[in-house]
Amino acid sequence: MEQQDQVPLWRFTTLKIGGEARRLYLPTSVDELADIVEQLAERDEPWFVLGGGSNLLVSSKGYEGSVIRTTQITGVTRVETDVLEAGAGARLPHLARFAATLGLAGLEFSVGIPGTVGGGVIMNAGAHGSCMANVVESVTIYDSIERRIVTLEASQLGFQYRKCKLSPSTHVVLSARLKLIADRPEEIEARVRHNEEYRWRTQPLGWPNAGSTFKNPEPGRGAGLLLDQAGAKTLRQGQAAVSAVHANFVINMGGATSEEVAQLMRRMQNTVYEKFQISLEPEWKTLGTFSNEEQKVWAG
């Protein structure tokens, strides 16, 4: 297991923003991951588990704690004919393509989500009308409060839109079992290609971004459409801007700070509220120190 001190976190986020963490751990197994969290919890040191670094805004001021990056815990095992068990750091797009080669359907929705299994479970990641709640059979976690490893069935996870009952501040996903459906590989591949092509057409993949910025406020009323209709595509704050391709994406045009992004997000919220009286809730999580003004974005 590798350990580094004073590591700039922007390198590990898809938005390419973030100051230094006090310490970075790179475990290579679920046992190492659980051991690190246990040791940090016993010492009462702050910690954060980082997967793919999407759906996350890290403060440019950094994080006074340890970051545990899971991207080396990528093992995938076919435990039953239609069940795969994947480590927390397995990338969702890679997993979707691997499942397709086995003739297992159900993960096609995730091929355009630049995250990992662990983060996908915590946030109930989804796209194209499906989400992790539809494929998760069970999850093995480390509970830092009870200091033990436990396996939870899907029915115990309380999945909701873009969240579940697991808390990223106390629960660490070690692995997940995914219940899939047998199908013809060529048909699965066709759906995978369709979803990939859709992502390339509709998202600003040429710029650093953290994925969808705000949750859809209600079925049939997407945040992107509301932002577009409210004129948010013209908004810019320093080097952070609303994408001209998709209004629910904030892009880093080069050297943007977390403060600029938070200010831009607040302006986006205000723009939609003034036109539709709808309050947009951020989909992203945050890490590090933010001012009271910046925290208003998440306070509603």
Protein backbone atom coordinates (compact mmCIF):
# COMPACT_ATOMS: atom_id res chain seq x y z
CA MET A 1 0.00 0.00 0.00
CA GLU A 2 1.30 3.41 -1.02
CA GLN A 3 1.12 6.52 1.16
CA GLN A 4 1.90 10.12 0.16
CA ASP A 5 1.89 13.41 2.09
CA GLN A 6 0.58 16.84 1.01
CA VAL A 7 -0.95 15.67 -2.25
CA PRO A 8 -2.82 18.05 -4.62
CA LEU A 9 -6.30 16.63 -5.09
CA TRP A 10 -7.11 18.35 -8.39
CA ARG A 11 -5.20 15.54 -10.10
CA PHE A 12 -7.81 13.02 -8.96
CA THR A 13 -11.03 14.92 -9.70
CA THR A 14 -12.79 15.11 -13.06
CA LEU A 15 -13.37 18.86 -12.53
CA LYS A 16 -9.60 19.34 -12.04
CA ILE A 17 -10.08 21.50 -8.94
CA GLY A 18 -8.79 20.88 -5.42
CA GLY A 19 -6.05 21.87 -2.99
CA GLU A 20 -3.81 19.56 -1.01
CA ALA A 21 -4.82 16.73 1.29
CA ARG A 22 -2.70 16.12 4.36
CA ARG A 23 -2.22 12.50 3.34
CA LEU A 24 -3.17 10.15 0.49
CA TYR A 25 -3.52 6.39 0.84
CA LEU A 26 -3.67 3.99 -2.10
CA PRO A 27 -4.88 0.60 -0.80
CA THR A 28 -4.76 -2.37 -3.17
CA SER A 29 -7.32 -4.63 -1.46
CA VAL A 30 -10.58 -4.39 0.48
CA ASP A 31 -8.74 -5.56 3.60
CA GLU A 32 -6.23 -2.71 3.33
CA LEU A 33 -9.07 -0.26 2.73
CA ALA A 34 -10.94 -1.39 5.85
CA ASP A 35 -7.73 -1.37 7.93
CA ILE A 36 -6.86 2.21 6.93
CA VAL A 37 -10.30 3.53 7.83
CA GLU A 38 -10.25 1.63 11.12
CA GLN A 39 -6.86 3.07 12.08
CA LEU A 40 -7.89 6.64 11.16
CA ALA A 41 -11.18 6.29 13.03
CA GLU A 42 -9.37 5.01 16.13
CA ARG A 43 -7.07 8.06 16.01
CA ASP A 44 -10.10 10.31 15.43
CA GLU A 45 -8.51 11.67 12.25
CA PRO A 46 -10.72 13.01 9.45
CA TRP A 47 -10.83 10.87 6.30
CA PHE A 48 -12.56 10.70 2.94
CA VAL A 49 -12.83 7.84 0.46
CA LEU A 50 -12.30 8.97 -3.13
CA GLY A 51 -13.25 6.89 -6.14
CA GLY A 52 -13.34 8.30 -9.66
CA GLY A 53 -13.46 11.91 -8.45
CA SER A 54 -16.67 12.80 -10.32
CA ASN A 55 -19.72 14.43 -8.75
CA LEU A 56 -17.34 16.12 -6.32
CA LEU A 57 -16.19 19.68 -5.68
CA VAL A 58 -12.97 19.83 -3.66
CA SER A 59 -12.07 23.12 -2.02
CA SER A 60 -9.14 24.95 -3.57
CA LYS A 61 -8.00 25.48 0.03
CA GLY A 62 -7.51 21.74 0.40
CA TYR A 63 -8.57 19.16 2.96
CA GLU A 64 -7.12 18.81 6.46
CA GLY A 65 -7.40 15.06 6.54
CA SER A 66 -6.54 11.81 4.80
CA VAL A 67 -7.92 10.82 1.42
CA ILE A 68 -8.18 7.12 0.62
CA ARG A 69 -8.27 6.46 -3.11
CA THR A 70 -9.91 3.18 -4.12
CA THR A 71 -8.98 3.02 -7.80
CA GLN A 72 -6.57 0.10 -7.31
CA ILE A 73 -9.31 -2.10 -5.84
CA THR A 74 -10.78 -3.20 -9.14
CA GLY A 75 -11.25 -6.97 -8.89
CA VAL A 76 -14.38 -8.45 -10.48
CA THR A 77 -15.55 -12.03 -9.87
CA ARG A 78 -18.42 -13.93 -11.44
CA VAL A 79 -19.83 -15.51 -8.29
CA GLU A 80 -22.96 -16.87 -9.99
CA THR A 81 -24.11 -17.18 -13.58
CA ASP A 82 -25.83 -13.81 -13.42
CA VAL A 83 -24.07 -12.17 -10.45
CA LEU A 84 -20.81 -10.21 -10.48
CA GLU A 85 -18.97 -9.10 -7.36
CA ALA A 86 -16.90 -5.96 -7.93
CA GLY A 87 -14.40 -4.13 -5.74
CA ALA A 88 -15.14 -0.56 -4.65
CA GLY A 89 -12.70 0.95 -7.15
CA ALA A 90 -13.96 -0.84 -10.25
CA ARG A 91 -14.85 1.75 -12.87
CA LEU A 92 -18.50 1.62 -13.90
CA PRO A 93 -17.86 2.02 -17.66
CA HIS A 94 -15.28 -0.80 -17.61
CA LEU A 95 -17.63 -3.00 -15.60
CA ALA A 96 -20.49 -2.37 -18.04
CA ARG A 97 -18.34 -3.39 -21.00
CA PHE A 98 -17.01 -6.47 -19.18
CA ALA A 99 -20.53 -7.58 -18.29
CA ALA A 100 -21.51 -7.17 -21.94
CA THR A 101 -18.77 -9.61 -23.04
CA LEU A 102 -20.25 -12.16 -20.62
CA GLY A 103 -23.75 -11.71 -22.03
CA LEU A 104 -24.95 -9.99 -18.84
CA ALA A 105 -27.26 -6.99 -19.16
CA GLY A 106 -28.30 -4.34 -16.70
CA LEU A 107 -25.24 -2.09 -16.48
CA GLU A 108 -25.54 -0.44 -19.89
CA PHE A 109 -26.85 2.74 -18.23
CA SER A 110 -23.53 3.23 -16.44
CA VAL A 111 -21.21 3.20 -19.45
CA GLY A 112 -21.12 7.01 -19.49
CA ILE A 113 -20.75 7.51 -15.74
CA PRO A 114 -17.10 8.28 -14.88
CA GLY A 115 -17.31 6.85 -11.38
CA THR A 116 -16.60 3.71 -9.40
CA VAL A 117 -18.74 1.00 -7.83
CA GLY A 118 -18.30 2.45 -4.34
CA GLY A 119 -19.33 5.96 -5.27
CA GLY A 120 -22.05 4.62 -7.55
CA VAL A 121 -23.66 2.77 -4.64
CA ILE A 122 -23.40 5.69 -2.20
CA MET A 123 -24.98 8.11 -4.68
CA ASN A 124 -27.24 5.59 -6.44
CA ALA A 125 -25.70 6.71 -9.72
CA GLY A 126 -27.97 6.52 -12.70
CA ALA A 127 -28.65 7.46 -16.31
CA HIS A 128 -30.85 6.42 -19.24
CA GLY A 129 -33.75 5.50 -17.00
CA SER A 130 -31.87 3.11 -14.72
CA CYS A 131 -29.62 3.28 -11.66
CA MET A 132 -27.53 1.23 -9.25
CA ALA A 133 -30.60 0.38 -7.15
CA ASN A 134 -31.81 -1.76 -10.05
CA VAL A 135 -28.74 -4.00 -10.11
CA VAL A 136 -27.32 -4.08 -6.57
CA GLU A 137 -28.02 -7.38 -4.78
CA SER A 138 -25.88 -6.70 -1.70
CA VAL A 139 -23.04 -4.50 -0.51
CA THR A 140 -20.18 -5.24 1.86
CA ILE A 141 -19.17 -2.17 3.86
CA TYR A 142 -16.92 -1.13 6.71
CA ASP A 143 -18.89 0.69 9.41
CA SER A 144 -16.48 3.13 11.08
CA ILE A 145 -18.87 3.74 13.99
CA GLU A 146 -19.34 0.08 14.92
CA ARG A 147 -15.79 -0.73 13.73
CA ARG A 148 -16.83 -3.83 11.79
CA ILE A 149 -17.38 -5.20 8.31
CA VAL A 150 -20.99 -5.97 7.46
CA THR A 151 -22.91 -7.13 4.39
CA LEU A 152 -26.21 -5.42 3.65
CA GLU A 153 -28.92 -6.61 1.28
CA ALA A 154 -30.26 -4.14 -1.26
CA SER A 155 -33.50 -3.85 0.71
CA GLN A 156 -31.50 -2.52 3.68
CA LEU A 157 -29.82 0.29 1.73
CA GLY A 158 -32.81 2.60 1.41
CA PHE A 159 -32.09 3.59 -2.18
CA GLN A 160 -33.63 6.88 -3.32
CA TYR A 161 -32.96 9.26 -6.18
CA ARG A 162 -29.19 9.87 -6.17
CA LYS A 163 -28.68 8.64 -2.64
CA CYS A 164 -29.04 5.76 -0.21
CA LYS A 165 -28.93 5.47 3.56
CA LEU A 166 -25.16 4.88 3.63
CA SER A 167 -23.19 7.92 4.75
CA PRO A 168 -19.83 8.62 3.06
CA SER A 169 -18.58 10.03 6.38
CA THR A 170 -19.10 6.77 8.29
CA HIS A 171 -19.62 3.93 5.79
CA VAL A 172 -17.05 2.65 3.31
CA VAL A 173 -18.19 0.46 0.44
CA LEU A 174 -15.71 -2.41 0.07
CA SER A 175 -17.47 -4.38 -2.67
CA ALA A 176 -20.87 -4.93 -4.23
CA ARG A 177 -22.72 -7.89 -5.72
CA LEU A 178 -24.64 -6.98 -8.85
CA LYS A 179 -27.58 -9.05 -10.08
CA LEU A 180 -27.71 -8.92 -13.88
CA ILE A 181 -29.78 -10.48 -16.66
CA ALA A 182 -28.62 -12.88 -19.37
CA ASP A 183 -28.94 -11.46 -22.88
CA ARG A 184 -27.27 -11.72 -26.28
CA PRO A 185 -23.86 -9.99 -26.17
CA GLU A 186 -24.42 -8.23 -29.50
CA GLU A 187 -27.68 -6.68 -28.24
CA ILE A 188 -26.04 -5.53 -25.02
CA GLU A 189 -23.15 -4.06 -27.02
CA ALA A 190 -25.61 -2.16 -29.21
CA ARG A 191 -27.18 -0.55 -26.13
CA VAL A 192 -23.74 0.26 -24.73
CA ARG A 193 -22.74 1.96 -28.00
CA HIS A 194 -26.01 3.88 -28.12
CA ASN A 195 -25.49 5.23 -24.59
CA GLU A 196 -21.86 6.13 -25.31
CA GLU A 197 -22.80 7.98 -28.49
CA TYR A 198 -25.57 9.83 -26.66
CA ARG A 199 -23.10 11.00 -24.03
CA TRP A 200 -20.68 12.27 -26.67
CA ARG A 201 -23.49 14.22 -28.38
CA THR A 202 -25.00 15.78 -25.28
CA GLN A 203 -22.21 16.36 -22.75
CA PRO A 204 -19.17 18.69 -22.77
CA LEU A 205 -16.57 15.93 -22.73
CA GLY A 206 -13.85 18.24 -24.07
CA TRP A 207 -13.78 20.23 -20.81
CA PRO A 208 -13.12 19.18 -17.21
CA ASN A 209 -16.47 18.77 -15.46
CA ALA A 210 -17.93 16.84 -12.54
CA GLY A 211 -21.04 15.47 -14.24
CA SER A 212 -24.58 16.74 -13.75
CA THR A 213 -24.45 19.69 -11.37
CA PHE A 214 -28.00 19.64 -10.02
CA LYS A 215 -30.55 16.91 -9.37
CA ASN A 216 -33.69 16.82 -11.47
CA PRO A 217 -36.29 18.50 -9.23
CA GLU A 218 -39.10 16.19 -10.32
CA PRO A 219 -39.83 13.50 -12.93
CA GLY A 220 -40.21 15.04 -16.36
CA ARG A 221 -38.60 18.34 -15.37
CA GLY A 222 -34.89 17.98 -15.87
CA ALA A 223 -32.53 20.48 -14.28
CA GLY A 224 -30.77 20.93 -17.62
CA LEU A 225 -33.96 21.96 -19.41
CA LEU A 226 -34.94 24.38 -16.62
CA LEU A 227 -31.49 25.97 -16.66
CA ASP A 228 -31.56 26.23 -20.46
CA GLN A 229 -35.00 27.85 -20.48
CA ALA A 230 -33.88 30.26 -17.76
CA GLY A 231 -30.94 31.41 -19.89
CA ALA A 232 -28.19 29.92 -17.71
CA LYS A 233 -25.97 28.88 -20.63
CA THR A 234 -24.60 32.43 -20.77
CA LEU A 235 -23.38 32.38 -17.17
CA ARG A 236 -19.69 32.47 -16.32
CA GLN A 237 -17.76 33.15 -13.12
CA GLY A 238 -14.04 33.62 -13.59
CA GLN A 239 -12.77 30.46 -15.27
CA ALA A 240 -15.90 28.46 -14.43
CA ALA A 241 -18.73 28.48 -16.96
CA VAL A 242 -22.03 26.81 -17.77
CA SER A 243 -21.55 24.52 -20.75
CA ALA A 244 -23.03 25.64 -24.07
CA VAL A 245 -23.67 21.95 -24.81
CA HIS A 246 -25.67 21.09 -21.67
CA ALA A 247 -26.87 23.69 -19.18
CA ASN A 248 -26.62 21.33 -16.20
CA PHE A 249 -22.85 21.00 -16.62
CA VAL A 250 -20.29 23.38 -15.14
CA ILE A 251 -16.96 23.33 -16.94
CA ASN A 252 -13.48 24.36 -15.84
CA MET A 253 -12.08 26.53 -18.62
CA GLY A 254 -8.62 26.43 -17.08
CA GLY A 255 -7.56 27.34 -13.56
CA ALA A 256 -11.05 27.72 -12.09
CA THR A 257 -11.28 27.74 -8.30
CA SER A 258 -13.84 26.06 -6.07
CA GLU A 259 -15.01 29.53 -5.01
CA GLU A 260 -15.74 30.49 -8.62
CA VAL A 261 -17.63 27.24 -9.16
CA ALA A 262 -19.71 27.70 -5.99
CA GLN A 263 -20.54 31.28 -6.96
CA LEU A 264 -21.56 30.14 -10.43
CA MET A 265 -23.74 27.38 -9.01
CA ARG A 266 -25.51 29.91 -6.78
CA ARG A 267 -26.20 32.11 -9.79
CA MET A 268 -27.59 29.10 -11.66
CA GLN A 269 -29.91 28.33 -8.74
CA ASN A 270 -31.07 31.94 -8.55
CA THR A 271 -31.70 32.10 -12.29
CA VAL A 272 -34.00 29.08 -12.20
CA TYR A 273 -35.76 30.18 -9.03
CA GLU A 274 -36.48 33.64 -10.41
CA LYS A 275 -38.11 32.18 -13.53
CA PHE A 276 -39.80 29.03 -12.21
CA GLN A 277 -39.81 29.33 -8.38
CA ILE A 278 -38.01 25.97 -8.29
CA SER A 279 -35.02 25.41 -6.00
CA LEU A 280 -32.32 23.24 -7.54
CA GLU A 281 -30.43 20.89 -5.23
CA PRO A 282 -26.78 20.10 -6.05
CA GLU A 283 -26.00 16.55 -7.08
CA TRP A 284 -22.32 16.97 -6.20
CA LYS A 285 -20.70 16.26 -2.85
CA THR A 286 -18.07 18.59 -1.36
CA LEU A 287 -14.74 18.06 0.37
CA GLY A 288 -12.67 20.57 2.29
CA THR A 289 -13.26 24.04 3.70
CA PHE A 290 -15.92 26.31 2.18
CA SER A 291 -17.06 29.75 3.30
CA ASN A 292 -20.55 30.35 4.66
CA GLU A 293 -21.46 32.07 1.40
CA GLU A 294 -20.31 29.08 -0.65
CA GLN A 295 -22.21 26.66 1.60
CA LYS A 296 -25.47 28.42 0.74
CA VAL A 297 -25.44 26.47 -2.53
CA TRP A 298 -26.00 23.27 -0.58
CA ALA A 299 -28.23 24.82 2.08
CA GLY A 300 -31.01 25.53 -0.41
